[in-house]
C-alpha cells in the first residue's frame, strides 16, 4: 500500500521535472535538502490530516479496534512493540496515525509510528506520512522521541519489520523477534517502559502466494529485501465488486490489544546480559498477552505464538 502511494508521488515529481513546472520541482528539492532531518526529529504531524473523514471509513471497513488492558502514566515515555507486521500494518496505521482512539484511551500520550527511513526520501510522500504522525525508524529518531524529559511520548515500532511480512499468511502466528533486540537496548538507554501490542486479525487481510522457507520464491524475496530494504510479498484479496481476486483487503476485524507496561530503569550502558534478560521478559509478557486474549478473537486453544 505504501509502495503504491510512494510510486504515485515519485511519478508526479518526475512529471513536474519534465513538464512546465520544473521550477516548482527545483524549489521542492531545495526544501527537501533543508528539511531532510525532520523525520528524525519528531516529524511534523497535522491533526487536520489525522482527522480526515476517509480514515473514519478506513477504520470502519475492517473494522479496526483498539483495546486497552492497563493505564499508561503520561509522566513516562513508552516503547510499544507492535506485532505482527502483516502485509498492510493496518492496525498500527489505523490506531496510531488516525482518529482519536489512542488519545481517548491513553490521555496525555502522543504516539509516533516509526517506519523505514527509505520512505522519507520519496518526494511529497514524506510530507504525507509525517503529517499522519509517522517518523523514521532510525536510532536517532527513536532516541529523539524517547528523550522527552516530561514523558508523554510513545514510540510505536513494528518489531518484525519488513522480513516478517513474508510470514503474513492467514492463520500464521510466526513472529520474527528472537534476533531483534535493538528496541530492547533503546528502551534501556532511555528508561522507556516497554509495552507489548498484539494486533489480532492483522494476518487475515490478504492471501499470500505460498513461500515456505527454502523455496525459490522465499529465497528471491529475502535477497530482494536485503538489497532494497523492504520486502515484496506476493498477495491478493478481493476486488471492488467481487470477492475472488483483487488488491482490496478482506473485511476482517482487527483488534489491536495494548498490554501492560514493563517498567524499565534507565541504563546508559546496558550489558549483553541486561539486554538478554529484558528481552526474555518482553517475550514472556507478549506471549501472556496473546494467551489471555486469543479466545476473544477466534484463535483456537491449541494455537500459540511461534518466535523465530
Foldseek 3Di string as FASTA:
>chain_A
DLVVVLVVLQVVLVCCCPDPNVVVSVVLVVVCVVCVCQLQQQFDAALVLQEDPVLVVVCVQLPEAEAEDDADDQQAEAEEAEDDCAQPNSNCLSPQQHDCRCCVRHPLAHEEEADDSVQCVRPPSVNSCRRSRYGHPDLSSLLNQLQPNRGRYYYYYNQQAQLSNQQLAVPAQEGAHPPRQPVLLSCQQRQHWYKYKYKPPRSQFKHFDDDDPPDPVSVVQVVVCVVVVHGDTHIWAQDDPGTPTHRGTDSHYIYMYIGDTHGHHHDNDDDPVNSVVVSVVVVVRNQVVCQVCVVVRPRDNVDGHHYD
